[in-house]
Amino acid sequence: MKSFILITDNSEKYIKDVLYSLLPLKEDEELIIFDNLSNDNTVPFIVEKMGILWIDNRHKFYINTKKEEYETIKNKALSIAKGKPIIIITQKEKFDVEEVLKCYE
C-alpha cells in the first residue's frame, strides 16, 4: 500500500488542484488528509469535493482541535498510514502522481 499524506492549513487557494492531482486513487493507495485548524474554506471544500469517497476507508480526514507544528502533524499522519508513505504534500501546486510514483519504484 502507498500512502499519500496531505497537510492543509488555510489551503483553500490550492486544495482543489492538489486533490484533483491525487484522485482517483488506485487500489493500493490511500489518502490521509490532516487539517491544521484552517479558518478559511479548506475544510468545507474538502468535504464537498470528496463527497461519497469517504465511504472508501482508504480516504481519511482529520481536523486538529488546536494549531500544531508541522512535525507534530506529520508524525500523527505517519502513525495512521497503513502503507509506505510515498509523499507528504504541503506544496501549493498541481503535480503528476504517476511521475512521483516513478521515483519510488
PDB file of N, CA and C in Angstrom:
ATOM      1  N   MET A   1       0.849  -1.185   0.000  1.00  0.00           N
ATOM      2  CA  MET A   1       0.000   0.000   0.000  1.00  0.00           C
ATOM      3  C   MET A   1       0.887   1.239   0.000  1.00  0.00           C
ATOM      4  N   LYS A   2       0.474   2.239  -0.774  1.00  0.00           N
ATOM      5  CA  LYS A   2       1.166   3.524  -0.831  1.00  0.00           C
ATOM      6  C   LYS A   2       0.278   4.560  -0.144  1.00  0.00           C
ATOM      7  N   SER A   3       0.887   5.397   0.668  1.00  0.00           N
ATOM      8  CA  SER A   3       0.133   6.404   1.417  1.00  0.00           C
ATOM      9  C   SER A   3       0.509   7.806   0.955  1.00  0.00           C
ATOM     10  N   PHE A   4      -0.498   8.575   0.592  1.00  0.00           N
ATOM     11  CA  PHE A   4      -0.316   9.991   0.294  1.00  0.00           C
ATOM     12  C   PHE A   4      -0.829  10.767   1.497  1.00  0.00           C
ATOM     13  N   ILE A   5      -0.012  11.652   2.025  1.00  0.00           N
ATOM     14  CA  ILE A   5      -0.386  12.445   3.192  1.00  0.00           C
ATOM     15  C   ILE A   5      -0.465  13.899   2.757  1.00  0.00           C
ATOM     16  N   LEU A   6      -1.616  14.499   3.004  1.00  0.00           N
ATOM     17  CA  LEU A   6      -1.853  15.889   2.643  1.00  0.00           C
ATOM     18  C   LEU A   6      -2.084  16.676   3.925  1.00  0.00           C
ATOM     19  N   ILE A   7      -1.225  17.654   4.180  1.00  0.00           N
ATOM     20  CA  ILE A   7      -1.362  18.501   5.363  1.00  0.00           C
ATOM     21  C   ILE A   7      -1.847  19.866   4.888  1.00  0.00           C
ATOM     22  N   THR A   8      -2.998  20.288   5.412  1.00  0.00           N
ATOM     23  CA  THR A   8      -3.578  21.557   4.994  1.00  0.00           C
ATOM     24  C   THR A   8      -3.614  22.542   6.157  1.00  0.00           C
ATOM     25  N   ASP A   9      -3.485  23.814   5.808  1.00  0.00           N
ATOM     26  CA  ASP A   9      -3.561  24.892   6.788  1.00  0.00           C
ATOM     27  C   ASP A   9      -3.934  26.160   6.016  1.00  0.00           C
ATOM     28  N   ASN A  10      -5.221  26.477   6.033  1.00  0.00           N
ATOM     29  CA  ASN A  10      -5.726  27.612   5.237  1.00  0.00           C
ATOM     30  C   ASN A  10      -5.287  27.467   3.781  1.00  0.00           C
ATOM     31  N   SER A  11      -5.721  26.379   3.191  1.00  0.00           N
ATOM     32  CA  SER A  11      -5.236  25.955   1.877  1.00  0.00           C
ATOM     33  C   SER A  11      -6.270  26.068   0.766  1.00  0.00           C
ATOM     34  N   GLU A  12      -7.323  26.839   0.984  1.00  0.00           N
ATOM     35  CA  GLU A  12      -8.407  26.848   0.004  1.00  0.00           C
ATOM     36  C   GLU A  12      -7.966  27.291  -1.392  1.00  0.00           C
ATOM     37  N   LYS A  13      -6.914  28.067  -1.495  1.00  0.00           N
ATOM     38  CA  LYS A  13      -6.479  28.558  -2.806  1.00  0.00           C
ATOM     39  C   LYS A  13      -5.863  27.471  -3.678  1.00  0.00           C
ATOM     40  N   TYR A  14      -5.340  26.409  -3.048  1.00  0.00           N
ATOM     41  CA  TYR A  14      -4.684  25.378  -3.859  1.00  0.00           C
ATOM     42  C   TYR A  14      -5.202  23.967  -3.629  1.00  0.00           C
ATOM     43  N   ILE A  15      -6.094  23.772  -2.691  1.00  0.00           N
ATOM     44  CA  ILE A  15      -6.533  22.412  -2.344  1.00  0.00           C
ATOM     45  C   ILE A  15      -7.210  21.708  -3.532  1.00  0.00           C
ATOM     46  N   LYS A  16      -7.937  22.442  -4.345  1.00  0.00           N
ATOM     47  CA  LYS A  16      -8.613  21.831  -5.489  1.00  0.00           C
ATOM     48  C   LYS A  16      -7.599  21.174  -6.418  1.00  0.00           C
ATOM     49  N   ASP A  17      -6.552  21.902  -6.794  1.00  0.00           N
ATOM     50  CA  ASP A  17      -5.545  21.345  -7.703  1.00  0.00           C
ATOM     51  C   ASP A  17      -4.850  20.134  -7.103  1.00  0.00           C
ATOM     52  N   VAL A  18      -4.547  20.198  -5.818  1.00  0.00           N
ATOM     53  CA  VAL A  18      -3.860  19.078  -5.172  1.00  0.00           C
ATOM     54  C   VAL A  18      -4.766  17.846  -5.128  1.00  0.00           C
ATOM     55  N   LEU A  19      -6.013  18.016  -4.712  1.00  0.00           N
ATOM     56  CA  LEU A  19      -6.935  16.869  -4.665  1.00  0.00           C
ATOM     57  C   LEU A  19      -7.138  16.253  -6.042  1.00  0.00           C
ATOM     58  N   TYR A  20      -7.335  17.097  -7.038  1.00  0.00           N
ATOM     59  CA  TYR A  20      -7.560  16.565  -8.380  1.00  0.00           C
ATOM     60  C   TYR A  20      -6.312  15.900  -8.943  1.00  0.00           C
ATOM     61  N   SER A  21      -5.145  16.282  -8.439  1.00  0.00           N
ATOM     62  CA  SER A  21      -3.919  15.606  -8.855  1.00  0.00           C
ATOM     63  C   SER A  21      -3.827  14.201  -8.265  1.00  0.00           C
ATOM     64  N   LEU A  22      -4.416  14.015  -7.098  1.00  0.00           N
ATOM     65  CA  LEU A  22      -4.318  12.730  -6.400  1.00  0.00           C
ATOM     66  C   LEU A  22      -5.429  11.748  -6.751  1.00  0.00           C
ATOM     67  N   LEU A  23      -6.599  12.249  -7.071  1.00  0.00           N
ATOM     68  CA  LEU A  23      -7.763  11.382  -7.259  1.00  0.00           C
ATOM     69  C   LEU A  23      -7.975  11.049  -8.722  1.00  0.00           C
ATOM     70  N   PRO A  24      -8.527   9.900  -9.035  1.00  0.00           N
ATOM     71  CA  PRO A  24      -8.913   8.832  -8.115  1.00  0.00           C
ATOM     72  C   PRO A  24      -7.696   8.004  -7.691  1.00  0.00           C
ATOM     73  N   LEU A  25      -7.799   7.428  -6.517  1.00  0.00           N
ATOM     74  CA  LEU A  25      -6.737   6.568  -6.013  1.00  0.00           C
ATOM     75  C   LEU A  25      -6.786   5.214  -6.695  1.00  0.00           C
ATOM     76  N   LYS A  26      -5.637   4.573  -6.768  1.00  0.00           N
ATOM     77  CA  LYS A  26      -5.590   3.183  -7.234  1.00  0.00           C
ATOM     78  C   LYS A  26      -5.860   2.270  -6.036  1.00  0.00           C
ATOM     79  N   GLU A  27      -6.090   1.007  -6.303  1.00  0.00           N
ATOM     80  CA  GLU A  27      -6.436   0.046  -5.250  1.00  0.00           C
ATOM     81  C   GLU A  27      -5.398  -0.036  -4.140  1.00  0.00           C
ATOM     82  N   ASP A  28      -4.127   0.171  -4.478  1.00  0.00           N
ATOM     83  CA  ASP A  28      -3.068   0.016  -3.479  1.00  0.00           C
ATOM     84  C   ASP A  28      -2.613   1.366  -2.905  1.00  0.00           C
ATOM     85  N   GLU A  29      -3.496   2.374  -2.928  1.00  0.00           N
ATOM     86  CA  GLU A  29      -3.152   3.705  -2.429  1.00  0.00           C
ATOM     87  C   GLU A  29      -4.168   4.171  -1.398  1.00  0.00           C
ATOM     88  N   GLU A  30      -3.703   5.011  -0.477  1.00  0.00           N
ATOM     89  CA  GLU A  30      -4.608   5.648   0.476  1.00  0.00           C
ATOM     90  C   GLU A  30      -4.266   7.127   0.560  1.00  0.00           C
ATOM     91  N   LEU A  31      -5.248   7.919   0.961  1.00  0.00           N
ATOM     92  CA  LEU A  31      -5.076   9.354   1.118  1.00  0.00           C
ATOM     93  C   LEU A  31      -5.433   9.726   2.549  1.00  0.00           C
ATOM     94  N   ILE A  32      -4.479  10.349   3.234  1.00  0.00           N
ATOM     95  CA  ILE A  32      -4.705  10.834   4.595  1.00  0.00           C
ATOM     96  C   ILE A  32      -4.586  12.346   4.551  1.00  0.00           C
ATOM     97  N   ILE A  33      -5.658  13.015   4.944  1.00  0.00           N
ATOM     98  CA  ILE A  33      -5.655  14.479   4.974  1.00  0.00           C
ATOM     99  C   ILE A  33      -5.702  14.920   6.432  1.00  0.00           C
ATOM    100  N   PHE A  34      -4.773  15.780   6.804  1.00  0.00           N
ATOM    101  CA  PHE A  34      -4.721  16.354   8.146  1.00  0.00           C
ATOM    102  C   PHE A  34      -4.845  17.861   8.005  1.00  0.00           C
ATOM    103  N   ASP A  35      -5.888  18.436   8.587  1.00  0.00           N
ATOM    104  CA  ASP A  35      -6.048  19.885   8.543  1.00  0.00           C
ATOM    105  C   ASP A  35      -5.611  20.490   9.870  1.00  0.00           C
ATOM    106  N   ASN A  36      -4.820  21.552   9.788  1.00  0.00           N
ATOM    107  CA  ASN A  36      -4.279  22.200  10.977  1.00  0.00           C
ATOM    108  C   ASN A  36      -5.179  23.364  11.419  1.00  0.00           C
ATOM    109  N   LEU A  37      -6.450  23.051  11.628  1.00  0.00           N
ATOM    110  CA  LEU A  37      -7.434  24.015  12.133  1.00  0.00           C
ATOM    111  C   LEU A  37      -7.550  25.236  11.215  1.00  0.00           C
ATOM    112  N   SER A  38      -7.756  24.977   9.937  1.00  0.00           N
ATOM    113  CA  SER A  38      -7.913  26.063   8.966  1.00  0.00           C
ATOM    114  C   SER A  38      -9.100  26.934   9.347  1.00  0.00           C
ATOM    115  N   ASN A  39      -8.980  28.232   9.093  1.00  0.00           N
ATOM    116  CA  ASN A  39     -10.105  29.129   9.364  1.00  0.00           C
ATOM    117  C   ASN A  39     -10.633  29.766   8.078  1.00  0.00           C
ATOM    118  N   ASP A  40     -10.269  29.179   6.946  1.00  0.00           N
ATOM    119  CA  ASP A  40     -10.833  29.601   5.668  1.00  0.00           C
ATOM    120  C   ASP A  40     -11.806  28.507   5.210  1.00  0.00           C
ATOM    121  N   ASN A  41     -11.986  28.340   3.930  1.00  0.00           N
ATOM    122  CA  ASN A  41     -12.935  27.340   3.413  1.00  0.00           C
ATOM    123  C   ASN A  41     -12.281  26.018   3.027  1.00  0.00           C
ATOM    124  N   THR A  42     -11.109  25.745   3.555  1.00  0.00           N
ATOM    125  CA  THR A  42     -10.415  24.492   3.221  1.00  0.00           C
ATOM    126  C   THR A  42     -11.256  23.274   3.593  1.00  0.00           C
ATOM    127  N   VAL A  43     -11.701  23.208   4.829  1.00  0.00           N
ATOM    128  CA  VAL A  43     -12.438  22.027   5.299  1.00  0.00           C
ATOM    129  C   VAL A  43     -13.752  21.839   4.545  1.00  0.00           C
ATOM    130  N   PRO A  44     -14.598  22.869   4.413  1.00  0.00           N
ATOM    131  CA  PRO A  44     -15.826  22.658   3.641  1.00  0.00           C
ATOM    132  C   PRO A  44     -15.554  22.212   2.204  1.00  0.00           C
ATOM    133  N   PHE A  45     -14.506  22.752   1.595  1.00  0.00           N
ATOM    134  CA  PHE A  45     -14.191  22.361   0.228  1.00  0.00           C
ATOM    135  C   PHE A  45     -13.806  20.878   0.163  1.00  0.00           C
ATOM    136  N   ILE A  46     -12.963  20.441   1.083  1.00  0.00           N
ATOM    137  CA  ILE A  46     -12.549  19.033   1.093  1.00  0.00           C
ATOM    138  C   ILE A  46     -13.761  18.132   1.275  1.00  0.00           C
ATOM    139  N   VAL A  47     -14.609  18.456   2.224  1.00  0.00           N
ATOM    140  CA  VAL A  47     -15.797  17.633   2.487  1.00  0.00           C
ATOM    141  C   VAL A  47     -16.687  17.582   1.250  1.00  0.00           C
ATOM    142  N   GLU A  48     -16.906  18.725   0.621  1.00  0.00           N
ATOM    143  CA  GLU A  48     -17.765  18.772  -0.563  1.00  0.00           C
ATOM    144  C   GLU A  48     -17.167  18.007  -1.736  1.00  0.00           C
ATOM    145  N   LYS A  49     -15.906  18.211  -2.020  1.00  0.00           N
ATOM    146  CA  LYS A  49     -15.286  17.580  -3.189  1.00  0.00           C
ATOM    147  C   LYS A  49     -15.062  16.092  -3.011  1.00  0.00           C
ATOM    148  N   MET A  50     -14.775  15.671  -1.804  1.00  0.00           N
ATOM    149  CA  MET A  50     -14.547  14.240  -1.576  1.00  0.00           C
ATOM    150  C   MET A  50     -15.873  13.492  -1.554  1.00  0.00           C
ATOM    151  N   GLY A  51     -16.916  14.128  -1.058  1.00  0.00           N
ATOM    152  CA  GLY A  51     -18.265  13.564  -1.090  1.00  0.00           C
ATOM    153  C   GLY A  51     -18.334  12.102  -0.707  1.00  0.00           C
ATOM    154  N   ILE A  52     -18.852  11.307  -1.608  1.00  0.00           N
ATOM    155  CA  ILE A  52     -19.098   9.891  -1.361  1.00  0.00           C
ATOM    156  C   ILE A  52     -17.808   9.081  -1.203  1.00  0.00           C
ATOM    157  N   LEU A  53     -16.671   9.654  -1.576  1.00  0.00           N
ATOM    158  CA  LEU A  53     -15.405   8.927  -1.449  1.00  0.00           C
ATOM    159  C   LEU A  53     -15.080   8.582  -0.002  1.00  0.00           C
ATOM    160  N   TRP A  54     -15.680   9.290   0.955  1.00  0.00           N
ATOM    161  CA  TRP A  54     -15.400   8.989   2.369  1.00  0.00           C
ATOM    162  C   TRP A  54     -15.875   7.589   2.750  1.00  0.00           C
ATOM    163  N   ILE A  55     -16.761   7.022   1.959  1.00  0.00           N
ATOM    164  CA  ILE A  55     -17.226   5.653   2.237  1.00  0.00           C
ATOM    165  C   ILE A  55     -16.068   4.669   2.111  1.00  0.00           C
ATOM    166  N   ASP A  56     -15.156   4.960   1.224  1.00  0.00           N
ATOM    167  CA  ASP A  56     -13.979   4.120   0.998  1.00  0.00           C
ATOM    168  C   ASP A  56     -12.989   4.361   2.140  1.00  0.00           C
ATOM    169  N   ASN A  57     -12.653   3.329   2.892  1.00  0.00           N
ATOM    170  CA  ASN A  57     -11.792   3.504   4.068  1.00  0.00           C
ATOM    171  C   ASN A  57     -10.340   3.839   3.727  1.00  0.00           C
ATOM    172  N   ARG A  58     -10.031   3.985   2.453  1.00  0.00           N
ATOM    173  CA  ARG A  58      -8.680   4.410   2.063  1.00  0.00           C
ATOM    174  C   ARG A  58      -8.546   5.929   2.098  1.00  0.00           C
ATOM    175  N   HIS A  59      -9.632   6.631   2.366  1.00  0.00           N
ATOM    176  CA  HIS A  59      -9.630   8.086   2.478  1.00  0.00           C
ATOM    177  C   HIS A  59      -9.890   8.443   3.942  1.00  0.00           C
ATOM    178  N   LYS A  60      -8.961   9.178   4.530  1.00  0.00           N
ATOM    179  CA  LYS A  60      -9.110   9.560   5.938  1.00  0.00           C
ATOM    180  C   LYS A  60      -8.912  11.067   6.055  1.00  0.00           C
ATOM    181  N   PHE A  61      -9.724  11.699   6.912  1.00  0.00           N
ATOM    182  CA  PHE A  61      -9.666  13.144   7.067  1.00  0.00           C
ATOM    183  C   PHE A  61      -9.715  13.477   8.549  1.00  0.00           C
ATOM    184  N   TYR A  62      -8.719  14.202   9.009  1.00  0.00           N
ATOM    185  CA  TYR A  62      -8.611  14.586  10.417  1.00  0.00           C
ATOM    186  C   TYR A  62      -8.479  16.098  10.505  1.00  0.00           C
ATOM    187  N   ILE A  63      -9.146  16.679  11.484  1.00  0.00           N
ATOM    188  CA  ILE A  63      -9.066  18.120  11.712  1.00  0.00           C
ATOM    189  C   ILE A  63      -8.553  18.332  13.124  1.00  0.00           C
ATOM    190  N   ASN A  64      -7.440  19.027  13.229  1.00  0.00           N
ATOM    191  CA  ASN A  64      -6.901  19.323  14.555  1.00  0.00           C
ATOM    192  C   ASN A  64      -7.860  20.213  15.340  1.00  0.00           C
ATOM    193  N   THR A  65      -7.839  20.075  16.644  1.00  0.00           N
ATOM    194  CA  THR A  65      -8.650  20.934  17.505  1.00  0.00           C
ATOM    195  C   THR A  65      -7.852  22.131  18.005  1.00  0.00           C
ATOM    196  N   LYS A  66      -6.551  22.131  17.692  1.00  0.00           N
ATOM    197  CA  LYS A  66      -5.688  23.268  18.011  1.00  0.00           C
ATOM    198  C   LYS A  66      -4.553  23.288  16.988  1.00  0.00           C
ATOM    199  N   LYS A  67      -3.982  24.468  16.775  1.00  0.00           N
ATOM    200  CA  LYS A  67      -2.850  24.582  15.852  1.00  0.00           C
ATOM    201  C   LYS A  67      -1.658  23.822  16.412  1.00  0.00           C
ATOM    202  N   GLU A  68      -0.964  23.109  15.526  1.00  0.00           N
ATOM    203  CA  GLU A  68       0.219  22.352  15.932  1.00  0.00           C
ATOM    204  C   GLU A  68       1.339  22.569  14.930  1.00  0.00           C
ATOM    205  N   GLU A  69       2.532  22.273  15.355  1.00  0.00           N
ATOM    206  CA  GLU A  69       3.700  22.370  14.487  1.00  0.00           C
ATOM    207  C   GLU A  69       3.620  21.309  13.382  1.00  0.00           C
ATOM    208  N   TYR A  70       4.242  21.623  12.255  1.00  0.00           N
ATOM    209  CA  TYR A  70       4.238  20.724  11.105  1.00  0.00           C
ATOM    210  C   TYR A  70       4.733  19.319  11.482  1.00  0.00           C
ATOM    211  N   GLU A  71       5.825  19.233  12.216  1.00  0.00           N
ATOM    212  CA  GLU A  71       6.399  17.926  12.571  1.00  0.00           C
ATOM    213  C   GLU A  71       5.417  17.087  13.385  1.00  0.00           C
ATOM    214  N   THR A  72       4.675  17.718  14.275  1.00  0.00           N
ATOM    215  CA  THR A  72       3.687  17.004  15.097  1.00  0.00           C
ATOM    216  C   THR A  72       2.587  16.426  14.218  1.00  0.00           C
ATOM    217  N   ILE A  73       2.097  17.236  13.296  1.00  0.00           N
ATOM    218  CA  ILE A  73       1.039  16.773  12.392  1.00  0.00           C
ATOM    219  C   ILE A  73       1.557  15.650  11.503  1.00  0.00           C
ATOM    220  N   LYS A  74       2.742  15.842  10.966  1.00  0.00           N
ATOM    221  CA  LYS A  74       3.338  14.823  10.103  1.00  0.00           C
ATOM    222  C   LYS A  74       3.468  13.500  10.843  1.00  0.00           C
ATOM    223  N   ASN A  75       3.930  13.532  12.076  1.00  0.00           N
ATOM    224  CA  ASN A  75       4.089  12.307  12.855  1.00  0.00           C
ATOM    225  C   ASN A  75       2.748  11.632  13.140  1.00  0.00           C
ATOM    226  N   LYS A  76       1.712  12.419  13.402  1.00  0.00           N
ATOM    227  CA  LYS A  76       0.372  11.843  13.589  1.00  0.00           C
ATOM    228  C   LYS A  76      -0.068  11.116  12.323  1.00  0.00           C
ATOM    229  N   ALA A  77       0.096  11.786  11.196  1.00  0.00           N
ATOM    230  CA  ALA A  77      -0.318  11.200   9.916  1.00  0.00           C
ATOM    231  C   ALA A  77       0.460   9.929   9.610  1.00  0.00           C
ATOM    232  N   LEU A  78       1.762   9.960   9.860  1.00  0.00           N
ATOM    233  CA  LEU A  78       2.580   8.775   9.610  1.00  0.00           C
ATOM    234  C   LEU A  78       2.158   7.606  10.496  1.00  0.00           C
ATOM    235  N   SER A  79       1.728   7.898  11.713  1.00  0.00           N
ATOM    236  CA  SER A  79       1.308   6.822  12.618  1.00  0.00           C
ATOM    237  C   SER A  79      -0.004   6.179  12.168  1.00  0.00           C
ATOM    238  N   ILE A  80      -0.787   6.895  11.394  1.00  0.00           N
ATOM    239  CA  ILE A  80      -2.071   6.385  10.905  1.00  0.00           C
ATOM    240  C   ILE A  80      -1.905   5.631   9.588  1.00  0.00           C
ATOM    241  N   ALA A  81      -0.908   6.006   8.824  1.00  0.00           N
ATOM    242  CA  ALA A  81      -0.713   5.427   7.488  1.00  0.00           C
ATOM    243  C   ALA A  81      -0.567   3.916   7.565  1.00  0.00           C
ATOM    244  N   LYS A  82      -1.296   3.237   6.703  1.00  0.00           N
ATOM    245  CA  LYS A  82      -1.213   1.783   6.638  1.00  0.00           C
ATOM    246  C   LYS A  82      -0.085   1.338   5.722  1.00  0.00           C
ATOM    247  N   GLY A  83       0.242   2.179   4.774  1.00  0.00           N
ATOM    248  CA  GLY A  83       1.255   1.820   3.799  1.00  0.00           C
ATOM    249  C   GLY A  83       2.516   2.626   3.950  1.00  0.00           C
ATOM    250  N   LYS A  84       3.394   2.423   2.993  1.00  0.00           N
ATOM    251  CA  LYS A  84       4.642   3.177   2.955  1.00  0.00           C
ATOM    252  C   LYS A  84       4.313   4.598   2.499  1.00  0.00           C
ATOM    253  N   PRO A  85       4.670   5.599   3.318  1.00  0.00           N
ATOM    254  CA  PRO A  85       4.390   6.975   2.890  1.00  0.00           C
ATOM    255  C   PRO A  85       5.170   7.297   1.620  1.00  0.00           C
ATOM    256  N   ILE A  86       4.462   7.676   0.590  1.00  0.00           N
ATOM    257  CA  ILE A  86       5.077   7.990  -0.685  1.00  0.00           C
ATOM    258  C   ILE A  86       5.420   9.474  -0.733  1.00  0.00           C
ATOM    259  N   ILE A  87       4.508  10.280  -0.280  1.00  0.00           N
ATOM    260  CA  ILE A  87       4.740  11.719  -0.367  1.00  0.00           C
ATOM    261  C   ILE A  87       3.913  12.422   0.703  1.00  0.00           C
ATOM    262  N   ILE A  88       4.517  13.417   1.290  1.00  0.00           N
ATOM    263  CA  ILE A  88       3.804  14.288   2.223  1.00  0.00           C
ATOM    264  C   ILE A  88       3.640  15.613   1.495  1.00  0.00           C
ATOM    265  N   ILE A  89       2.396  15.989   1.263  1.00  0.00           N
ATOM    266  CA  ILE A  89       2.106  17.133   0.419  1.00  0.00           C
ATOM    267  C   ILE A  89       1.769  18.350   1.275  1.00  0.00           C
ATOM    268  N   THR A  90       2.548  19.371   1.109  1.00  0.00           N
ATOM    269  CA  THR A  90       2.243  20.656   1.719  1.00  0.00           C
ATOM    270  C   THR A  90       2.405  21.750   0.669  1.00  0.00           C
ATOM    271  N   GLN A  91       2.799  21.352  -0.528  1.00  0.00           N
ATOM    272  CA  GLN A  91       3.041  22.317  -1.586  1.00  0.00           C
ATOM    273  C   GLN A  91       1.739  22.825  -2.181  1.00  0.00           C
ATOM    274  N   LYS A  92       1.841  23.917  -2.889  1.00  0.00           N
ATOM    275  CA  LYS A  92       0.647  24.588  -3.387  1.00  0.00           C
ATOM    276  C   LYS A  92       0.573  24.539  -4.904  1.00  0.00           C
ATOM    277  N   GLU A  93       0.708  23.362  -5.448  1.00  0.00           N
ATOM    278  CA  GLU A  93       0.686  23.261  -6.901  1.00  0.00           C
ATOM    279  C   GLU A  93       0.201  21.886  -7.340  1.00  0.00           C
ATOM    280  N   LYS A  94      -0.203  21.816  -8.583  1.00  0.00           N
ATOM    281  CA  LYS A  94      -0.561  20.530  -9.177  1.00  0.00           C
ATOM    282  C   LYS A  94       0.704  19.720  -9.401  1.00  0.00           C
ATOM    283  N   PHE A  95       0.551  18.428  -9.429  1.00  0.00           N
ATOM    284  CA  PHE A  95       1.680  17.575  -9.768  1.00  0.00           C
ATOM    285  C   PHE A  95       1.139  16.305 -10.382  1.00  0.00           C
ATOM    286  N   ASP A  96       2.007  15.580 -11.032  1.00  0.00           N
ATOM    287  CA  ASP A  96       1.637  14.341 -11.699  1.00  0.00           C
ATOM    288  C   ASP A  96       1.982  13.179 -10.773  1.00  0.00           C
ATOM    289  N   VAL A  97       0.966  12.537 -10.231  1.00  0.00           N
ATOM    290  CA  VAL A  97       1.167  11.438  -9.294  1.00  0.00           C
ATOM    291  C   VAL A  97       1.983  10.326  -9.937  1.00  0.00           C
ATOM    292  N   GLU A  98       1.755  10.044 -11.183  1.00  0.00           N
ATOM    293  CA  GLU A  98       2.488   8.980 -11.856  1.00  0.00           C
ATOM    294  C   GLU A  98       3.987   9.279 -11.886  1.00  0.00           C
ATOM    295  N   GLU A  99       4.345  10.545 -12.095  1.00  0.00           N
ATOM    296  CA  GLU A  99       5.753  10.932 -12.101  1.00  0.00           C
ATOM    297  C   GLU A  99       6.368  10.769 -10.710  1.00  0.00           C
ATOM    298  N   VAL A 100       5.600  11.125  -9.692  1.00  0.00           N
ATOM    299  CA  VAL A 100       6.084  10.958  -8.304  1.00  0.00           C
ATOM    300  C   VAL A 100       6.301   9.484  -8.004  1.00  0.00           C
ATOM    301  N   LEU A 101       5.353   8.641  -8.402  1.00  0.00           N
ATOM    302  CA  LEU A 101       5.459   7.213  -8.117  1.00  0.00           C
ATOM    303  C   LEU A 101       6.646   6.578  -8.815  1.00  0.00           C
ATOM    304  N   LYS A 102       7.004   7.057  -9.987  1.00  0.00           N
ATOM    305  CA  LYS A 102       8.170   6.518 -10.695  1.00  0.00           C
ATOM    306  C   LYS A 102       9.421   6.673  -9.876  1.00  0.00           C
ATOM    307  N   CYS A 103       9.496   7.716  -9.079  1.00  0.00           N
ATOM    308  CA  CYS A 103      10.682   7.949  -8.230  1.00  0.00           C
ATOM    309  C   CYS A 103      10.807   6.899  -7.133  1.00  0.00           C
ATOM    310  N   TYR A 104       9.709   6.234  -6.806  1.00  0.00           N
ATOM    311  CA  TYR A 104       9.713   5.267  -5.714  1.00  0.00           C
ATOM    312  C   TYR A 104       9.723   3.830  -6.163  1.00  0.00           C
ATOM    313  N   GLU A 105       9.723   3.636  -7.449  1.00  0.00           N
ATOM    314  CA  GLU A 105       9.703   2.247  -7.957  1.00  0.00           C
ATOM    315  C   GLU A 105      11.099   1.694  -8.068  1.00  0.00           C
TER     316      GLU A 105
END
